[in-house]
N, C-alpha and C. Protein backbone atom coordinates (compact mmCIF):
# COMPACT_ATOMS: atom_id res chain seq x y z
N MET A 1 -94.60 3.28 44.80
CA MET A 1 -93.55 2.68 43.99
C MET A 1 -93.79 3.08 42.53
N PRO A 2 -92.79 3.65 41.84
CA PRO A 2 -92.98 4.08 40.45
C PRO A 2 -93.05 2.88 39.48
N LEU A 3 -93.66 3.14 38.34
CA LEU A 3 -93.72 2.11 37.30
C LEU A 3 -92.31 1.81 36.78
N SER A 4 -92.06 0.56 36.45
CA SER A 4 -90.77 0.18 35.87
C SER A 4 -90.76 0.55 34.39
N SER A 5 -89.59 0.55 33.79
CA SER A 5 -89.49 0.86 32.36
C SER A 5 -90.22 -0.20 31.54
N THR A 6 -90.23 -1.44 32.00
CA THR A 6 -90.97 -2.51 31.30
C THR A 6 -92.47 -2.23 31.35
N GLN A 7 -92.96 -1.79 32.49
CA GLN A 7 -94.38 -1.47 32.61
C GLN A 7 -94.75 -0.26 31.75
N ILE A 8 -93.89 0.74 31.74
CA ILE A 8 -94.13 1.91 30.90
C ILE A 8 -94.16 1.50 29.43
N GLY A 9 -93.25 0.61 29.05
CA GLY A 9 -93.23 0.12 27.67
C GLY A 9 -94.50 -0.61 27.30
N ALA A 10 -95.00 -1.46 28.20
CA ALA A 10 -96.23 -2.21 27.93
C ALA A 10 -97.43 -1.28 27.80
N ILE A 11 -97.52 -0.31 28.69
CA ILE A 11 -98.62 0.67 28.62
C ILE A 11 -98.51 1.47 27.33
N GLY A 12 -97.28 1.90 27.02
CA GLY A 12 -97.06 2.68 25.80
C GLY A 12 -97.42 1.91 24.54
N GLU A 13 -97.04 0.63 24.49
CA GLU A 13 -97.39 -0.19 23.32
C GLU A 13 -98.89 -0.26 23.13
N ASN A 14 -99.60 -0.50 24.22
CA ASN A 14 -101.06 -0.60 24.11
C ASN A 14 -101.70 0.72 23.73
N LEU A 15 -101.23 1.82 24.32
CA LEU A 15 -101.77 3.13 23.94
C LEU A 15 -101.52 3.42 22.47
N LEU A 16 -100.31 3.10 22.02
CA LEU A 16 -99.97 3.41 20.63
C LEU A 16 -100.77 2.57 19.65
N VAL A 17 -100.87 1.26 19.87
CA VAL A 17 -101.61 0.43 18.91
C VAL A 17 -103.07 0.82 18.89
N ASN A 18 -103.63 1.17 20.04
CA ASN A 18 -105.02 1.61 20.07
C ASN A 18 -105.20 2.94 19.34
N ALA A 19 -104.27 3.87 19.53
CA ALA A 19 -104.36 5.17 18.87
C ALA A 19 -104.25 5.03 17.35
N VAL A 20 -103.34 4.17 16.88
CA VAL A 20 -103.17 3.97 15.42
C VAL A 20 -104.38 3.26 14.85
N MET A 21 -104.90 2.27 15.55
CA MET A 21 -106.08 1.55 15.08
C MET A 21 -107.26 2.52 14.96
N LYS A 22 -107.43 3.36 15.96
CA LYS A 22 -108.52 4.34 15.94
C LYS A 22 -108.31 5.39 14.85
N ALA A 23 -107.09 5.90 14.73
CA ALA A 23 -106.79 6.95 13.74
C ALA A 23 -106.96 6.45 12.30
N SER A 24 -106.81 5.14 12.09
CA SER A 24 -106.96 4.58 10.74
C SER A 24 -108.41 4.15 10.48
N ASP A 25 -109.32 4.46 11.39
CA ASP A 25 -110.72 4.04 11.30
C ASP A 25 -110.85 2.53 11.16
N GLY A 26 -109.96 1.79 11.82
CA GLY A 26 -110.01 0.34 11.80
C GLY A 26 -109.33 -0.30 10.61
N ARG A 27 -108.78 0.50 9.72
CA ARG A 27 -108.09 -0.07 8.54
C ARG A 27 -106.86 -0.86 8.97
N LEU A 28 -106.15 -0.39 9.98
CA LEU A 28 -104.95 -1.07 10.47
C LEU A 28 -105.29 -1.90 11.70
N SER A 29 -104.95 -3.18 11.65
CA SER A 29 -105.17 -4.08 12.77
C SER A 29 -103.82 -4.48 13.36
N PRO A 30 -103.64 -4.28 14.66
CA PRO A 30 -102.36 -4.65 15.28
C PRO A 30 -102.31 -6.11 15.68
N PHE A 31 -101.15 -6.70 15.52
CA PHE A 31 -100.87 -8.06 15.97
C PHE A 31 -99.58 -8.01 16.79
N GLN A 32 -99.61 -8.59 17.97
CA GLN A 32 -98.42 -8.60 18.82
C GLN A 32 -97.93 -10.03 18.99
N PRO A 33 -96.61 -10.24 18.95
CA PRO A 33 -96.07 -11.60 19.10
C PRO A 33 -96.24 -12.11 20.52
N LEU A 34 -96.39 -13.41 20.65
CA LEU A 34 -96.46 -14.02 21.98
C LEU A 34 -95.10 -13.97 22.66
N ALA A 35 -94.04 -14.06 21.87
CA ALA A 35 -92.67 -13.96 22.39
C ALA A 35 -91.92 -12.94 21.55
N ASP A 36 -91.36 -11.96 22.21
CA ASP A 36 -90.62 -10.90 21.52
C ASP A 36 -89.13 -11.14 21.72
N ASN A 37 -88.54 -11.99 20.86
CA ASN A 37 -87.11 -12.25 21.02
C ASN A 37 -86.30 -11.78 19.82
N ASP A 38 -86.93 -11.12 18.85
CA ASP A 38 -86.14 -10.58 17.75
C ASP A 38 -86.40 -9.09 17.52
N GLY A 39 -86.93 -8.43 18.53
CA GLY A 39 -87.04 -6.99 18.49
C GLY A 39 -88.28 -6.43 17.82
N LEU A 40 -89.19 -7.26 17.37
CA LEU A 40 -90.41 -6.74 16.76
C LEU A 40 -91.54 -6.81 17.78
N ASP A 41 -92.19 -5.68 17.97
CA ASP A 41 -93.21 -5.57 19.00
C ASP A 41 -94.63 -5.66 18.47
N VAL A 42 -94.83 -5.24 17.24
CA VAL A 42 -96.19 -5.23 16.68
C VAL A 42 -96.12 -5.27 15.16
N LEU A 43 -97.11 -5.94 14.57
CA LEU A 43 -97.33 -5.87 13.12
C LEU A 43 -98.65 -5.14 12.92
N PHE A 44 -98.66 -4.19 12.02
CA PHE A 44 -99.92 -3.56 11.64
C PHE A 44 -100.33 -4.13 10.30
N PHE A 45 -101.46 -4.83 10.27
CA PHE A 45 -102.00 -5.42 9.05
C PHE A 45 -102.98 -4.43 8.44
N ASP A 46 -102.78 -4.13 7.15
CA ASP A 46 -103.66 -3.22 6.42
C ASP A 46 -104.75 -4.04 5.74
N LYS A 47 -105.99 -3.85 6.15
CA LYS A 47 -107.11 -4.63 5.63
C LYS A 47 -107.39 -4.33 4.16
N VAL A 48 -106.97 -3.18 3.65
CA VAL A 48 -107.23 -2.81 2.26
C VAL A 48 -106.22 -3.47 1.32
N THR A 49 -104.93 -3.36 1.64
CA THR A 49 -103.90 -3.89 0.73
C THR A 49 -103.52 -5.34 1.05
N GLY A 50 -103.80 -5.78 2.25
CA GLY A 50 -103.37 -7.11 2.67
C GLY A 50 -101.91 -7.17 3.07
N ASN A 51 -101.26 -6.03 3.14
CA ASN A 51 -99.85 -5.96 3.54
C ASN A 51 -99.75 -5.61 5.02
N SER A 52 -98.57 -5.82 5.56
CA SER A 52 -98.35 -5.47 6.96
C SER A 52 -97.01 -4.77 7.12
N VAL A 53 -96.87 -4.07 8.23
CA VAL A 53 -95.64 -3.37 8.57
C VAL A 53 -95.18 -3.86 9.93
N ALA A 54 -93.93 -4.32 10.00
CA ALA A 54 -93.34 -4.78 11.25
C ALA A 54 -92.70 -3.60 11.96
N ILE A 55 -92.97 -3.51 13.26
CA ILE A 55 -92.51 -2.34 14.02
C ILE A 55 -91.84 -2.76 15.32
N GLN A 56 -90.70 -2.12 15.57
CA GLN A 56 -90.10 -2.18 16.90
C GLN A 56 -90.48 -0.87 17.57
N LEU A 57 -91.06 -0.96 18.74
CA LEU A 57 -91.58 0.20 19.43
C LEU A 57 -90.74 0.50 20.66
N LYS A 58 -90.35 1.75 20.79
CA LYS A 58 -89.64 2.23 21.97
C LYS A 58 -90.42 3.38 22.56
N CYS A 59 -90.71 3.31 23.85
CA CYS A 59 -91.53 4.32 24.51
C CYS A 59 -90.75 5.01 25.63
N ARG A 60 -90.95 6.30 25.73
CA ARG A 60 -90.36 7.11 26.81
C ARG A 60 -91.45 8.03 27.35
N THR A 61 -91.25 8.48 28.59
CA THR A 61 -92.18 9.45 29.15
C THR A 61 -91.51 10.79 29.44
N VAL A 62 -90.20 10.85 29.33
CA VAL A 62 -89.48 12.09 29.63
C VAL A 62 -88.35 12.29 28.64
N SER A 63 -87.95 13.55 28.52
CA SER A 63 -86.76 13.83 27.74
C SER A 63 -85.55 13.57 28.63
N ILE A 64 -84.36 13.73 28.08
CA ILE A 64 -83.13 13.47 28.83
C ILE A 64 -83.08 14.40 30.05
N ARG A 65 -82.67 13.85 31.17
CA ARG A 65 -82.64 14.61 32.43
C ARG A 65 -81.21 15.00 32.81
N LYS A 66 -81.13 16.11 33.51
CA LYS A 66 -79.86 16.51 34.10
C LYS A 66 -79.61 15.65 35.33
N ARG A 67 -78.46 15.77 35.90
CA ARG A 67 -78.14 15.00 37.10
C ARG A 67 -79.06 15.32 38.27
N ASN A 68 -79.60 16.52 38.33
CA ASN A 68 -80.49 16.88 39.43
C ASN A 68 -81.95 16.56 39.12
N SER A 69 -82.19 15.70 38.14
CA SER A 69 -83.51 15.19 37.76
C SER A 69 -84.39 16.18 37.00
N GLU A 70 -83.85 17.33 36.63
CA GLU A 70 -84.63 18.25 35.81
C GLU A 70 -84.50 17.86 34.35
N GLU A 71 -85.55 18.13 33.56
CA GLU A 71 -85.45 17.83 32.14
C GLU A 71 -84.40 18.73 31.50
N ARG A 72 -83.68 18.19 30.55
CA ARG A 72 -82.59 18.90 29.88
C ARG A 72 -83.03 19.36 28.50
N GLY A 73 -84.14 19.99 28.41
CA GLY A 73 -84.56 20.50 27.12
C GLY A 73 -85.47 19.57 26.38
N ASN A 74 -85.35 19.58 25.08
CA ASN A 74 -86.29 18.89 24.21
C ASN A 74 -85.79 17.58 23.63
N VAL A 75 -84.61 17.13 24.02
CA VAL A 75 -84.02 15.94 23.43
C VAL A 75 -84.55 14.68 24.14
N VAL A 76 -84.92 13.68 23.33
CA VAL A 76 -85.44 12.42 23.87
C VAL A 76 -84.48 11.31 23.44
N HIS A 77 -84.16 10.42 24.36
CA HIS A 77 -83.18 9.37 24.13
C HIS A 77 -83.88 8.03 23.88
N PHE A 78 -83.59 7.40 22.74
CA PHE A 78 -84.10 6.06 22.43
C PHE A 78 -82.92 5.21 21.99
N GLN A 79 -82.98 3.91 22.29
CA GLN A 79 -81.90 3.01 21.86
C GLN A 79 -82.46 1.67 21.41
N VAL A 80 -81.81 1.12 20.39
CA VAL A 80 -82.18 -0.18 19.83
C VAL A 80 -80.95 -1.06 19.90
N TRP A 81 -81.09 -2.22 20.51
CA TRP A 81 -79.97 -3.15 20.57
C TRP A 81 -79.59 -3.60 19.15
N GLN A 82 -78.32 -3.54 18.82
CA GLN A 82 -77.88 -3.97 17.51
C GLN A 82 -78.08 -5.47 17.31
N ALA A 83 -78.15 -6.23 18.39
CA ALA A 83 -78.38 -7.67 18.29
C ALA A 83 -79.76 -7.98 17.70
N THR A 84 -80.73 -7.08 17.88
CA THR A 84 -82.07 -7.30 17.32
C THR A 84 -82.23 -6.58 15.99
N PHE A 85 -81.21 -5.85 15.58
CA PHE A 85 -81.27 -5.08 14.33
C PHE A 85 -80.97 -6.00 13.14
N ASN A 86 -81.82 -5.92 12.12
CA ASN A 86 -81.63 -6.70 10.90
C ASN A 86 -81.89 -5.77 9.73
N GLU A 87 -80.82 -5.30 9.12
CA GLU A 87 -80.92 -4.30 8.04
C GLU A 87 -81.71 -4.81 6.85
N ALA A 88 -81.66 -6.11 6.59
CA ALA A 88 -82.32 -6.68 5.42
C ALA A 88 -83.84 -6.79 5.62
N ARG A 89 -84.27 -6.79 6.86
CA ARG A 89 -85.69 -6.94 7.16
C ARG A 89 -86.40 -5.60 6.94
N CYS A 90 -87.54 -5.64 6.30
CA CYS A 90 -88.33 -4.44 6.09
C CYS A 90 -89.14 -4.18 7.36
N ALA A 91 -88.57 -3.38 8.25
CA ALA A 91 -89.21 -3.07 9.52
C ALA A 91 -88.96 -1.59 9.84
N TYR A 92 -89.70 -1.11 10.80
CA TYR A 92 -89.64 0.30 11.17
C TYR A 92 -89.50 0.43 12.68
N LEU A 93 -88.84 1.49 13.09
CA LEU A 93 -88.80 1.87 14.49
C LEU A 93 -89.84 2.94 14.70
N VAL A 94 -90.68 2.75 15.70
CA VAL A 94 -91.54 3.83 16.16
C VAL A 94 -91.04 4.20 17.55
N ALA A 95 -90.41 5.36 17.63
CA ALA A 95 -89.94 5.90 18.90
C ALA A 95 -91.04 6.85 19.37
N ALA A 96 -91.59 6.57 20.55
CA ALA A 96 -92.76 7.32 21.01
C ALA A 96 -92.49 8.00 22.35
N LEU A 97 -92.78 9.28 22.40
CA LEU A 97 -92.69 10.05 23.64
C LEU A 97 -94.12 10.26 24.14
N PHE A 98 -94.41 9.71 25.32
CA PHE A 98 -95.72 9.85 25.94
C PHE A 98 -95.64 10.88 27.05
N ASN A 99 -96.79 11.46 27.37
CA ASN A 99 -96.81 12.35 28.52
C ASN A 99 -96.59 11.51 29.79
N GLU A 100 -96.20 12.16 30.87
CA GLU A 100 -95.85 11.42 32.09
C GLU A 100 -97.03 10.69 32.70
N GLU A 101 -98.26 11.10 32.39
CA GLU A 101 -99.44 10.41 32.91
C GLU A 101 -99.80 9.19 32.07
N LEU A 102 -99.08 8.99 30.96
CA LEU A 102 -99.31 7.86 30.04
C LEU A 102 -100.74 7.84 29.50
N THR A 103 -101.23 9.02 29.11
CA THR A 103 -102.58 9.10 28.54
C THR A 103 -102.56 9.39 27.04
N HIS A 104 -101.49 9.98 26.54
CA HIS A 104 -101.36 10.25 25.11
C HIS A 104 -99.89 10.48 24.76
N PHE A 105 -99.58 10.42 23.47
CA PHE A 105 -98.20 10.67 23.11
C PHE A 105 -98.01 12.09 22.61
N VAL A 106 -96.84 12.62 22.89
CA VAL A 106 -96.46 13.98 22.52
C VAL A 106 -95.98 13.99 21.08
N ALA A 107 -95.18 12.99 20.73
CA ALA A 107 -94.65 12.87 19.37
C ALA A 107 -94.17 11.44 19.16
N THR A 108 -94.15 11.03 17.91
CA THR A 108 -93.55 9.75 17.54
C THR A 108 -92.62 10.01 16.36
N TRP A 109 -91.70 9.09 16.17
CA TRP A 109 -90.80 9.14 15.02
C TRP A 109 -90.91 7.78 14.35
N PHE A 110 -91.19 7.76 13.05
CA PHE A 110 -91.40 6.55 12.26
C PHE A 110 -90.21 6.43 11.32
N ILE A 111 -89.24 5.58 11.69
CA ILE A 111 -87.94 5.51 11.01
C ILE A 111 -87.73 4.12 10.44
N PRO A 112 -87.42 3.99 9.14
CA PRO A 112 -87.07 2.67 8.60
C PRO A 112 -85.85 2.12 9.35
N MET A 113 -85.94 0.89 9.80
CA MET A 113 -84.84 0.28 10.55
C MET A 113 -83.54 0.28 9.74
N ALA A 114 -83.66 0.11 8.43
CA ALA A 114 -82.46 0.09 7.58
C ALA A 114 -81.69 1.40 7.66
N LEU A 115 -82.34 2.50 8.07
CA LEU A 115 -81.67 3.79 8.15
C LEU A 115 -81.03 4.07 9.50
N LEU A 116 -81.24 3.19 10.48
CA LEU A 116 -80.67 3.45 11.81
C LEU A 116 -79.15 3.66 11.79
N PRO A 117 -78.38 2.90 11.00
CA PRO A 117 -76.94 3.17 10.97
C PRO A 117 -76.60 4.57 10.44
N GLU A 118 -77.48 5.13 9.61
CA GLU A 118 -77.24 6.48 9.07
C GLU A 118 -77.68 7.58 10.04
N VAL A 119 -78.84 7.42 10.65
CA VAL A 119 -79.40 8.49 11.48
C VAL A 119 -79.09 8.35 12.96
N GLY A 120 -78.67 7.15 13.38
CA GLY A 120 -78.36 6.92 14.79
C GLY A 120 -76.87 6.93 15.04
N LYS A 121 -76.54 6.80 16.30
CA LYS A 121 -75.14 6.71 16.71
C LYS A 121 -74.90 5.31 17.26
N ASP A 122 -73.75 4.76 16.93
CA ASP A 122 -73.35 3.43 17.40
C ASP A 122 -72.68 3.61 18.76
N ILE A 123 -73.42 3.25 19.83
CA ILE A 123 -72.90 3.41 21.18
C ILE A 123 -73.05 2.10 21.94
N SER A 124 -71.95 1.45 22.23
CA SER A 124 -71.93 0.24 23.06
C SER A 124 -72.90 -0.84 22.60
N GLY A 125 -72.90 -1.15 21.32
CA GLY A 125 -73.75 -2.21 20.81
C GLY A 125 -75.21 -1.83 20.64
N LYS A 126 -75.48 -0.53 20.62
CA LYS A 126 -76.85 -0.04 20.45
C LYS A 126 -76.85 1.07 19.40
N TRP A 127 -77.96 1.17 18.68
CA TRP A 127 -78.19 2.33 17.83
C TRP A 127 -78.95 3.33 18.69
N VAL A 128 -78.41 4.51 18.86
CA VAL A 128 -79.01 5.53 19.71
C VAL A 128 -79.47 6.69 18.85
N ILE A 129 -80.73 7.09 19.07
CA ILE A 129 -81.22 8.31 18.43
C ILE A 129 -81.66 9.27 19.53
N ARG A 130 -81.48 10.55 19.25
CA ARG A 130 -81.84 11.59 20.22
C ARG A 130 -82.54 12.72 19.48
N PRO A 131 -83.81 12.49 19.12
CA PRO A 131 -84.55 13.53 18.41
C PRO A 131 -85.06 14.61 19.36
N SER A 132 -85.33 15.76 18.79
CA SER A 132 -85.92 16.85 19.56
C SER A 132 -87.43 16.71 19.53
N LYS A 133 -88.06 16.94 20.68
CA LYS A 133 -89.52 16.89 20.76
C LYS A 133 -90.15 18.24 20.39
N ALA A 134 -89.33 19.26 20.21
CA ALA A 134 -89.85 20.60 19.90
C ALA A 134 -90.46 20.62 18.50
N GLU A 135 -91.67 21.14 18.40
CA GLU A 135 -92.37 21.17 17.11
C GLU A 135 -91.60 21.93 16.05
N GLY A 136 -90.92 22.99 16.41
CA GLY A 136 -90.21 23.80 15.43
C GLY A 136 -88.79 23.35 15.14
N SER A 137 -88.38 22.23 15.70
CA SER A 137 -86.99 21.79 15.49
C SER A 137 -86.78 21.34 14.05
N SER A 138 -85.53 21.37 13.64
CA SER A 138 -85.19 20.90 12.30
C SER A 138 -83.95 20.02 12.38
N ASP A 139 -83.98 19.06 13.30
CA ASP A 139 -82.86 18.14 13.42
C ASP A 139 -82.98 17.03 12.38
N ARG A 140 -82.05 16.11 12.37
CA ARG A 140 -82.04 15.06 11.35
C ARG A 140 -83.23 14.11 11.47
N TYR A 141 -83.97 14.18 12.57
CA TYR A 141 -85.12 13.29 12.78
C TYR A 141 -86.46 13.95 12.40
N THR A 142 -86.42 15.22 12.06
CA THR A 142 -87.65 15.94 11.72
C THR A 142 -88.44 15.27 10.60
N PRO A 143 -87.82 14.76 9.54
CA PRO A 143 -88.62 14.12 8.48
C PRO A 143 -89.39 12.87 8.95
N TYR A 144 -89.00 12.31 10.07
CA TYR A 144 -89.62 11.09 10.57
C TYR A 144 -90.66 11.36 11.67
N ARG A 145 -90.74 12.61 12.13
CA ARG A 145 -91.60 12.95 13.27
C ARG A 145 -93.07 13.01 12.87
N CYS A 146 -93.89 12.42 13.72
CA CYS A 146 -95.35 12.49 13.58
C CYS A 146 -95.89 13.10 14.87
N LEU A 147 -96.67 14.15 14.74
CA LEU A 147 -97.19 14.81 15.94
C LEU A 147 -98.57 14.30 16.34
N THR A 148 -99.20 13.49 15.48
CA THR A 148 -100.52 12.93 15.81
C THR A 148 -100.57 11.46 15.43
N ALA A 149 -101.52 10.77 16.03
CA ALA A 149 -101.73 9.37 15.68
C ALA A 149 -102.19 9.25 14.23
N ALA A 150 -102.96 10.22 13.77
CA ALA A 150 -103.44 10.20 12.38
C ALA A 150 -102.27 10.27 11.41
N GLU A 151 -101.29 11.10 11.71
CA GLU A 151 -100.11 11.21 10.85
C GLU A 151 -99.31 9.91 10.84
N LEU A 152 -99.16 9.28 11.99
CA LEU A 152 -98.45 8.00 12.07
C LEU A 152 -99.21 6.93 11.30
N ALA A 153 -100.53 6.88 11.46
CA ALA A 153 -101.34 5.89 10.73
C ALA A 153 -101.21 6.09 9.22
N LYS A 154 -101.21 7.34 8.76
CA LYS A 154 -101.06 7.63 7.32
C LYS A 154 -99.71 7.11 6.80
N ARG A 155 -98.67 7.28 7.59
CA ARG A 155 -97.34 6.80 7.15
C ARG A 155 -97.29 5.28 7.09
N ILE A 156 -97.92 4.61 8.05
CA ILE A 156 -97.95 3.15 8.03
C ILE A 156 -98.75 2.68 6.82
N ILE A 157 -99.88 3.31 6.55
CA ILE A 157 -100.70 2.96 5.38
C ILE A 157 -99.91 3.20 4.10
N ALA A 158 -99.17 4.29 4.02
CA ALA A 158 -98.38 4.59 2.82
C ALA A 158 -97.35 3.49 2.56
N VAL A 159 -96.74 2.95 3.61
CA VAL A 159 -95.79 1.85 3.44
C VAL A 159 -96.52 0.62 2.90
N CYS A 160 -97.69 0.32 3.46
CA CYS A 160 -98.47 -0.83 2.98
C CYS A 160 -98.88 -0.64 1.52
N GLU A 161 -99.27 0.56 1.15
CA GLU A 161 -99.66 0.82 -0.24
C GLU A 161 -98.47 0.76 -1.18
N SER A 162 -97.29 1.22 -0.74
CA SER A 162 -96.11 1.15 -1.60
C SER A 162 -95.66 -0.30 -1.74
N ASN A 163 -95.85 -1.11 -0.71
CA ASN A 163 -95.53 -2.54 -0.81
C ASN A 163 -96.47 -3.22 -1.79
N GLN A 164 -97.73 -2.78 -1.84
CA GLN A 164 -98.71 -3.32 -2.78
C GLN A 164 -98.29 -3.00 -4.22
N ALA A 165 -97.88 -1.76 -4.44
CA ALA A 165 -97.45 -1.35 -5.78
C ALA A 165 -96.20 -2.13 -6.20
N ALA A 166 -95.27 -2.33 -5.25
CA ALA A 166 -94.04 -3.06 -5.57
C ALA A 166 -94.35 -4.51 -5.92
N ALA A 167 -95.31 -5.10 -5.24
CA ALA A 167 -95.66 -6.50 -5.51
C ALA A 167 -96.21 -6.67 -6.92
N PHE A 168 -96.99 -5.69 -7.38
CA PHE A 168 -97.58 -5.82 -8.70
C PHE A 168 -96.67 -5.34 -9.83
N SER A 169 -95.55 -4.72 -9.48
CA SER A 169 -94.61 -4.32 -10.52
C SER A 169 -93.44 -5.30 -10.63
N SER A 170 -93.45 -6.33 -9.81
CA SER A 170 -92.35 -7.31 -9.86
C SER A 170 -92.55 -8.25 -11.04
N PRO A 171 -91.49 -8.89 -11.50
CA PRO A 171 -91.60 -9.85 -12.61
C PRO A 171 -92.55 -10.98 -12.30
N MET A 172 -92.68 -11.36 -11.03
CA MET A 172 -93.59 -12.45 -10.66
C MET A 172 -95.05 -12.05 -10.81
N ALA A 173 -95.34 -10.75 -10.84
CA ALA A 173 -96.74 -10.30 -10.93
C ALA A 173 -97.41 -10.82 -12.19
N ASN A 174 -96.66 -11.00 -13.26
CA ASN A 174 -97.24 -11.51 -14.51
C ASN A 174 -97.70 -12.95 -14.37
N HIS A 175 -97.20 -13.64 -13.37
CA HIS A 175 -97.53 -15.05 -13.19
C HIS A 175 -98.62 -15.25 -12.15
N LEU A 176 -99.12 -14.15 -11.56
CA LEU A 176 -100.18 -14.28 -10.57
C LEU A 176 -101.52 -14.49 -11.27
N VAL A 177 -102.36 -15.27 -10.66
CA VAL A 177 -103.69 -15.55 -11.23
C VAL A 177 -104.63 -14.44 -10.89
C-alpha cells in the first residue's frame, strides 16, 4: 500500500526541519503547532536574533505526471488554500520537492506568502505555483529556489536578521531599555 499524501507531508516536514536545523549548525530551532488550522506548519526560532519565521510547508515527491503516469518534465505543482492565506501575516511558503525515497530534497522554494497573489495562479480557491525543478531554469520562481538545505537556512536566517534590524530602527526602539 503506498504512502498517503498526508504521510508524505509528515515525513517531508520532519526531513526538512531536521535538514534546516543541521544546516544552520543549531542556530535555527523548529517549533511545530499542536493543531495546524491556520496553515502554518513550523516556526523557525533564531537563537542569535531572538526572531522567528513562520512557514507553511508543502511537500511533493514527483513533478507533474502525464495521464499514463510518466513524469511530464521538470514542473512541480504546489497549492495553498486561499482560506489559510493571510497577506498581512509575515510568513513564508517553503515548497519542497523530495526524492521518491523521501531521503533528501531535490529543491525548495522559499517564497514570502504576501507574494503568492503575484507569483501564483488563482485556481479554484487556491494559490497554485508550478516551478521548474531544473537547475538551469529561469522561470519566475528561480529567485526563490534553494538547491541545498544550507541555502534555505541562510535565507531563513537573513529574514530573522532583517526583522532584528527593523525592530531597532522603529520609533519604539528609542523607548526600549
